[in-house]
Amino acid sequence: MVLAMTLVRMAEALNTALEFLADAATREFHPLILQAKDVAAAAVLTAAIGALAIGPLVFGPHLWPRLA
């Protein structure tokens, strides 16, 4: 679970770094920079969804007997 949370934080940090780098490269609109930012944001979303899926796998066996 800690690894999944760390992956999300790492993806977010890389996304932020890419956005800063793209903004430093040019202030003008460029479609490739927009696509790069979108792909980086999608990577963060994918990591977050993966962490969300891992949560029930880790905690489910411990919580299921209490809920049933």
PDB file of N, CA and C in Angstrom:
ATOM      1  N   MET A   1       0.825  -1.187   0.000  1.00  0.00           N
ATOM      2  CA  MET A   1       0.000   0.000   0.000  1.00  0.00           C
ATOM      3  C   MET A   1       0.874   1.257   0.000  1.00  0.00           C
ATOM      4  N   VAL A   2       1.942   1.202   0.787  1.00  0.00           N
ATOM      5  CA  VAL A   2       2.855   2.346   0.833  1.00  0.00           C
ATOM      6  C   VAL A   2       3.500   2.556  -0.529  1.00  0.00           C
ATOM      7  N   LEU A   3       3.823   1.473  -1.203  1.00  0.00           N
ATOM      8  CA  LEU A   3       4.418   1.575  -2.533  1.00  0.00           C
ATOM      9  C   LEU A   3       3.448   2.233  -3.512  1.00  0.00           C
ATOM     10  N   ALA A   4       2.182   1.880  -3.433  1.00  0.00           N
ATOM     11  CA  ALA A   4       1.171   2.483  -4.316  1.00  0.00           C
ATOM     12  C   ALA A   4       1.027   3.974  -4.037  1.00  0.00           C
ATOM     13  N   MET A   5       1.030   4.346  -2.772  1.00  0.00           N
ATOM     14  CA  MET A   5       0.915   5.761  -2.427  1.00  0.00           C
ATOM     15  C   MET A   5       2.166   6.527  -2.865  1.00  0.00           C
ATOM     16  N   THR A   6       3.319   5.891  -2.736  1.00  0.00           N
ATOM     17  CA  THR A   6       4.563   6.518  -3.170  1.00  0.00           C
ATOM     18  C   THR A   6       4.568   6.710  -4.679  1.00  0.00           C
ATOM     19  N   LEU A   7       4.044   5.744  -5.411  1.00  0.00           N
ATOM     20  CA  LEU A   7       3.959   5.859  -6.863  1.00  0.00           C
ATOM     21  C   LEU A   7       3.089   7.042  -7.276  1.00  0.00           C
ATOM     22  N   VAL A   8       1.994   7.255  -6.588  1.00  0.00           N
ATOM     23  CA  VAL A   8       1.123   8.391  -6.897  1.00  0.00           C
ATOM     24  C   VAL A   8       1.848   9.707  -6.624  1.00  0.00           C
ATOM     25  N   ARG A   9       2.535   9.791  -5.496  1.00  0.00           N
ATOM     26  CA  ARG A   9       3.276  11.025  -5.177  1.00  0.00           C
ATOM     27  C   ARG A   9       4.397  11.279  -6.186  1.00  0.00           C
ATOM     28  N   MET A  10       5.066  10.213  -6.604  1.00  0.00           N
ATOM     29  CA  MET A  10       6.136  10.345  -7.583  1.00  0.00           C
ATOM     30  C   MET A  10       5.576  10.796  -8.935  1.00  0.00           C
ATOM     31  N   ALA A  11       4.458  10.219  -9.343  1.00  0.00           N
ATOM     32  CA  ALA A  11       3.842  10.626 -10.606  1.00  0.00           C
ATOM     33  C   ALA A  11       3.419  12.089 -10.548  1.00  0.00           C
ATOM     34  N   GLU A  12       2.904  12.512  -9.420  1.00  0.00           N
ATOM     35  CA  GLU A  12       2.495  13.912  -9.270  1.00  0.00           C
ATOM     36  C   GLU A  12       3.705  14.846  -9.327  1.00  0.00           C
ATOM     37  N   ALA A  13       4.792  14.441  -8.707  1.00  0.00           N
ATOM     38  CA  ALA A  13       6.002  15.264  -8.743  1.00  0.00           C
ATOM     39  C   ALA A  13       6.561  15.364 -10.164  1.00  0.00           C
ATOM     40  N   LEU A  14       6.581  14.263 -10.883  1.00  0.00           N
ATOM     41  CA  LEU A  14       7.057  14.286 -12.265  1.00  0.00           C
ATOM     42  C   LEU A  14       6.139  15.118 -13.155  1.00  0.00           C
ATOM     43  N   ASN A  15       4.843  15.040 -12.899  1.00  0.00           N
ATOM     44  CA  ASN A  15       3.895  15.846 -13.655  1.00  0.00           C
ATOM     45  C   ASN A  15       4.152  17.337 -13.422  1.00  0.00           C
ATOM     46  N   THR A  16       4.366  17.710 -12.177  1.00  0.00           N
ATOM     47  CA  THR A  16       4.645  19.107 -11.852  1.00  0.00           C
ATOM     48  C   THR A  16       5.951  19.566 -12.487  1.00  0.00           C
ATOM     49  N   ALA A  17       6.973  18.716 -12.439  1.00  0.00           N
ATOM     50  CA  ALA A  17       8.255  19.065 -13.045  1.00  0.00           C
ATOM     51  C   ALA A  17       8.110  19.250 -14.553  1.00  0.00           C
ATOM     52  N   LEU A  18       7.357  18.381 -15.197  1.00  0.00           N
ATOM     53  CA  LEU A  18       7.157  18.505 -16.637  1.00  0.00           C
ATOM     54  C   LEU A  18       6.403  19.783 -16.973  1.00  0.00           C
ATOM     55  N   GLU A  19       5.423  20.134 -16.173  1.00  0.00           N
ATOM     56  CA  GLU A  19       4.677  21.367 -16.426  1.00  0.00           C
ATOM     57  C   GLU A  19       5.572  22.598 -16.249  1.00  0.00           C
ATOM     58  N   PHE A  20       6.403  22.613 -15.212  1.00  0.00           N
ATOM     59  CA  PHE A  20       7.331  23.730 -15.028  1.00  0.00           C
ATOM     60  C   PHE A  20       8.303  23.825 -16.193  1.00  0.00           C
ATOM     61  N   LEU A  21       8.825  22.691 -16.622  1.00  0.00           N
ATOM     62  CA  LEU A  21       9.772  22.681 -17.730  1.00  0.00           C
ATOM     63  C   LEU A  21       9.115  23.162 -19.022  1.00  0.00           C
ATOM     64  N   ALA A  22       7.901  22.724 -19.275  1.00  0.00           N
ATOM     65  CA  ALA A  22       7.191  23.148 -20.484  1.00  0.00           C
ATOM     66  C   ALA A  22       6.885  24.638 -20.442  1.00  0.00           C
ATOM     67  N   ASP A  23       6.506  25.141 -19.281  1.00  0.00           N
ATOM     68  CA  ASP A  23       6.227  26.572 -19.158  1.00  0.00           C
ATOM     69  C   ASP A  23       7.504  27.403 -19.305  1.00  0.00           C
ATOM     70  N   ALA A  24       8.639  26.854 -18.868  1.00  0.00           N
ATOM     71  CA  ALA A  24       9.898  27.581 -19.002  1.00  0.00           C
ATOM     72  C   ALA A  24      10.388  27.589 -20.447  1.00  0.00           C
ATOM     73  N   ALA A  25      10.045  26.551 -21.203  1.00  0.00           N
ATOM     74  CA  ALA A  25      10.508  26.450 -22.588  1.00  0.00           C
ATOM     75  C   ALA A  25       9.867  27.528 -23.454  1.00  0.00           C
ATOM     76  N   THR A  26       8.580  27.727 -23.266  1.00  0.00           N
ATOM     77  CA  THR A  26       7.892  28.749 -24.062  1.00  0.00           C
ATOM     78  C   THR A  26       6.609  29.165 -23.365  1.00  0.00           C
ATOM     79  N   ARG A  27       6.268  30.418 -23.505  1.00  0.00           N
ATOM     80  CA  ARG A  27       5.015  30.926 -22.949  1.00  0.00           C
ATOM     81  C   ARG A  27       3.897  30.865 -23.993  1.00  0.00           C
ATOM     82  N   GLU A  28       4.276  30.613 -25.232  1.00  0.00           N
ATOM     83  CA  GLU A  28       3.285  30.555 -26.308  1.00  0.00           C
ATOM     84  C   GLU A  28       2.609  29.191 -26.319  1.00  0.00           C
ATOM     85  N   PHE A  29       1.402  29.158 -26.855  1.00  0.00           N
ATOM     86  CA  PHE A  29       0.676  27.898 -26.967  1.00  0.00           C
ATOM     87  C   PHE A  29       1.337  27.009 -28.020  1.00  0.00           C
ATOM     88  N   HIS A  30       1.512  25.750 -27.653  1.00  0.00           N
ATOM     89  CA  HIS A  30       2.016  24.770 -28.609  1.00  0.00           C
ATOM     90  C   HIS A  30       1.265  23.463 -28.359  1.00  0.00           C
ATOM     91  N   PRO A  31       0.688  22.864 -29.407  1.00  0.00           N
ATOM     92  CA  PRO A  31      -0.129  21.663 -29.207  1.00  0.00           C
ATOM     93  C   PRO A  31       0.652  20.477 -28.626  1.00  0.00           C
ATOM     94  N   LEU A  32       1.943  20.357 -28.923  1.00  0.00           N
ATOM     95  CA  LEU A  32       2.709  19.237 -28.369  1.00  0.00           C
ATOM     96  C   LEU A  32       2.925  19.401 -26.868  1.00  0.00           C
ATOM     97  N   ILE A  33       3.091  20.630 -26.404  1.00  0.00           N
ATOM     98  CA  ILE A  33       3.221  20.862 -24.968  1.00  0.00           C
ATOM     99  C   ILE A  33       1.904  20.532 -24.275  1.00  0.00           C
ATOM    100  N   LEU A  34       0.802  20.892 -24.897  1.00  0.00           N
ATOM    101  CA  LEU A  34      -0.509  20.551 -24.336  1.00  0.00           C
ATOM    102  C   LEU A  34      -0.673  19.043 -24.240  1.00  0.00           C
ATOM    103  N   GLN A  35      -0.274  18.324 -25.274  1.00  0.00           N
ATOM    104  CA  GLN A  35      -0.381  16.866 -25.248  1.00  0.00           C
ATOM    105  C   GLN A  35       0.530  16.263 -24.182  1.00  0.00           C
ATOM    106  N   ALA A  36       1.743  16.793 -24.037  1.00  0.00           N
ATOM    107  CA  ALA A  36       2.660  16.282 -23.025  1.00  0.00           C
ATOM    108  C   ALA A  36       2.088  16.474 -21.625  1.00  0.00           C
ATOM    109  N   LYS A  37       1.490  17.641 -21.382  1.00  0.00           N
ATOM    110  CA  LYS A  37       0.873  17.892 -20.077  1.00  0.00           C
ATOM    111  C   LYS A  37      -0.318  16.957 -19.843  1.00  0.00           C
ATOM    112  N   ASP A  38      -1.101  16.718 -20.886  1.00  0.00           N
ATOM    113  CA  ASP A  38      -2.242  15.810 -20.756  1.00  0.00           C
ATOM    114  C   ASP A  38      -1.801  14.377 -20.466  1.00  0.00           C
ATOM    115  N   VAL A  39      -0.742  13.933 -21.128  1.00  0.00           N
ATOM    116  CA  VAL A  39      -0.238  12.581 -20.900  1.00  0.00           C
ATOM    117  C   VAL A  39       0.304  12.452 -19.477  1.00  0.00           C
ATOM    118  N   ALA A  40       1.009  13.458 -19.006  1.00  0.00           N
ATOM    119  CA  ALA A  40       1.536  13.425 -17.638  1.00  0.00           C
ATOM    120  C   ALA A  40       0.393  13.403 -16.617  1.00  0.00           C
ATOM    121  N   ALA A  41      -0.647  14.174 -16.875  1.00  0.00           N
ATOM    122  CA  ALA A  41      -1.808  14.167 -15.974  1.00  0.00           C
ATOM    123  C   ALA A  41      -2.509  12.813 -16.018  1.00  0.00           C
ATOM    124  N   ALA A  42      -2.564  12.199 -17.179  1.00  0.00           N
ATOM    125  CA  ALA A  42      -3.167  10.869 -17.291  1.00  0.00           C
ATOM    126  C   ALA A  42      -2.353   9.833 -16.525  1.00  0.00           C
ATOM    127  N   ALA A  43      -1.040   9.995 -16.495  1.00  0.00           N
ATOM    128  CA  ALA A  43      -0.198   9.081 -15.724  1.00  0.00           C
ATOM    129  C   ALA A  43      -0.491   9.198 -14.231  1.00  0.00           C
ATOM    130  N   VAL A  44      -0.708  10.409 -13.761  1.00  0.00           N
ATOM    131  CA  VAL A  44      -1.071  10.609 -12.353  1.00  0.00           C
ATOM    132  C   VAL A  44      -2.424   9.967 -12.066  1.00  0.00           C
ATOM    133  N   LEU A  45      -3.371  10.158 -12.961  1.00  0.00           N
ATOM    134  CA  LEU A  45      -4.695   9.562 -12.777  1.00  0.00           C
ATOM    135  C   LEU A  45      -4.611   8.039 -12.770  1.00  0.00           C
ATOM    136  N   THR A  46      -3.812   7.477 -13.656  1.00  0.00           N
ATOM    137  CA  THR A  46      -3.658   6.023 -13.710  1.00  0.00           C
ATOM    138  C   THR A  46      -3.035   5.497 -12.419  1.00  0.00           C
ATOM    139  N   ALA A  47      -2.032   6.188 -11.908  1.00  0.00           N
ATOM    140  CA  ALA A  47      -1.403   5.779 -10.652  1.00  0.00           C
ATOM    141  C   ALA A  47      -2.396   5.866  -9.490  1.00  0.00           C
ATOM    142  N   ALA A  48      -3.211   6.904  -9.478  1.00  0.00           N
ATOM    143  CA  ALA A  48      -4.208   7.061  -8.406  1.00  0.00           C
ATOM    144  C   ALA A  48      -5.270   5.971  -8.482  1.00  0.00           C
ATOM    145  N   ILE A  49      -5.712   5.633  -9.679  1.00  0.00           N
ATOM    146  CA  ILE A  49      -6.704   4.560  -9.836  1.00  0.00           C
ATOM    147  C   ILE A  49      -6.101   3.229  -9.412  1.00  0.00           C
ATOM    148  N   GLY A  50      -4.825   3.008  -9.751  1.00  0.00           N
ATOM    149  CA  GLY A  50      -4.158   1.785  -9.317  1.00  0.00           C
ATOM    150  C   GLY A  50      -4.075   1.694  -7.800  1.00  0.00           C
ATOM    151  N   ALA A  51      -3.741   2.806  -7.153  1.00  0.00           N
ATOM    152  CA  ALA A  51      -3.687   2.819  -5.687  1.00  0.00           C
ATOM    153  C   ALA A  51      -5.070   2.584  -5.087  1.00  0.00           C
ATOM    154  N   LEU A  52      -6.079   3.128  -5.740  1.00  0.00           N
ATOM    155  CA  LEU A  52      -7.450   2.916  -5.274  1.00  0.00           C
ATOM    156  C   LEU A  52      -7.857   1.450  -5.408  1.00  0.00           C
ATOM    157  N   ALA A  53      -7.377   0.791  -6.435  1.00  0.00           N
ATOM    158  CA  ALA A  53      -7.695  -0.624  -6.628  1.00  0.00           C
ATOM    159  C   ALA A  53      -6.935  -1.507  -5.636  1.00  0.00           C
ATOM    160  N   ILE A  54      -5.732  -1.085  -5.255  1.00  0.00           N
ATOM    161  CA  ILE A  54      -4.924  -1.884  -4.331  1.00  0.00           C
ATOM    162  C   ILE A  54      -5.482  -1.805  -2.905  1.00  0.00           C
ATOM    163  N   GLY A  55      -6.076  -0.684  -2.546  1.00  0.00           N
ATOM    164  CA  GLY A  55      -6.615  -0.511  -1.196  1.00  0.00           C
ATOM    165  C   GLY A  55      -7.546  -1.630  -0.755  1.00  0.00           C
ATOM    166  N   PRO A  56      -8.601  -1.935  -1.513  1.00  0.00           N
ATOM    167  CA  PRO A  56      -9.478  -3.030  -1.106  1.00  0.00           C
ATOM    168  C   PRO A  56      -8.789  -4.398  -1.083  1.00  0.00           C
ATOM    169  N   LEU A  57      -7.797  -4.588  -1.943  1.00  0.00           N
ATOM    170  CA  LEU A  57      -7.080  -5.863  -1.929  1.00  0.00           C
ATOM    171  C   LEU A  57      -6.276  -6.028  -0.640  1.00  0.00           C
ATOM    172  N   VAL A  58      -5.750  -4.923  -0.124  1.00  0.00           N
ATOM    173  CA  VAL A  58      -4.959  -4.986   1.101  1.00  0.00           C
ATOM    174  C   VAL A  58      -5.857  -5.021   2.334  1.00  0.00           C
ATOM    175  N   PHE A  59      -6.833  -4.133   2.376  1.00  0.00           N
ATOM    176  CA  PHE A  59      -7.661  -4.008   3.576  1.00  0.00           C
ATOM    177  C   PHE A  59      -8.920  -4.862   3.556  1.00  0.00           C
ATOM    178  N   GLY A  60      -9.334  -5.291   2.384  1.00  0.00           N
ATOM    179  CA  GLY A  60     -10.569  -6.061   2.262  1.00  0.00           C
ATOM    180  C   GLY A  60     -10.622  -7.309   3.125  1.00  0.00           C
ATOM    181  N   PRO A  61      -9.603  -8.168   3.089  1.00  0.00           N
ATOM    182  CA  PRO A  61      -9.666  -9.385   3.912  1.00  0.00           C
ATOM    183  C   PRO A  61      -9.777  -9.111   5.403  1.00  0.00           C
ATOM    184  N   HIS A  62      -9.280  -7.969   5.853  1.00  0.00           N
ATOM    185  CA  HIS A  62      -9.355  -7.639   7.278  1.00  0.00           C
ATOM    186  C   HIS A  62     -10.698  -6.997   7.634  1.00  0.00           C
ATOM    187  N   LEU A  63     -11.283  -6.279   6.694  1.00  0.00           N
ATOM    188  CA  LEU A  63     -12.541  -5.582   6.979  1.00  0.00           C
ATOM    189  C   LEU A  63     -13.767  -6.430   6.675  1.00  0.00           C
ATOM    190  N   TRP A  64     -13.674  -7.348   5.733  1.00  0.00           N
ATOM    191  CA  TRP A  64     -14.843  -8.125   5.311  1.00  0.00           C
ATOM    192  C   TRP A  64     -15.485  -8.885   6.462  1.00  0.00           C
ATOM    193  N   PRO A  65     -14.736  -9.575   7.343  1.00  0.00           N
ATOM    194  CA  PRO A  65     -15.383 -10.288   8.463  1.00  0.00           C
ATOM    195  C   PRO A  65     -16.131  -9.342   9.414  1.00  0.00           C
ATOM    196  N   ARG A  66     -15.656  -8.138   9.556  1.00  0.00           N
ATOM    197  CA  ARG A  66     -16.333  -7.188  10.454  1.00  0.00           C
ATOM    198  C   ARG A  66     -17.619  -6.637   9.840  1.00  0.00           C
ATOM    199  N   LEU A  67     -17.658  -6.563   8.513  1.00  0.00           N
ATOM    200  CA  LEU A  67     -18.839  -6.021   7.838  1.00  0.00           C
ATOM    201  C   LEU A  67     -19.905  -7.077   7.606  1.00  0.00           C
ATOM    202  N   ALA A  68     -19.510  -8.317   7.540  1.00  0.00           N
ATOM    203  CA  ALA A  68     -20.461  -9.409   7.244  1.00  0.00           C
ATOM    204  C   ALA A  68     -21.206  -9.850   8.467  1.00  0.00           C
TER     205      ALA A  68
END
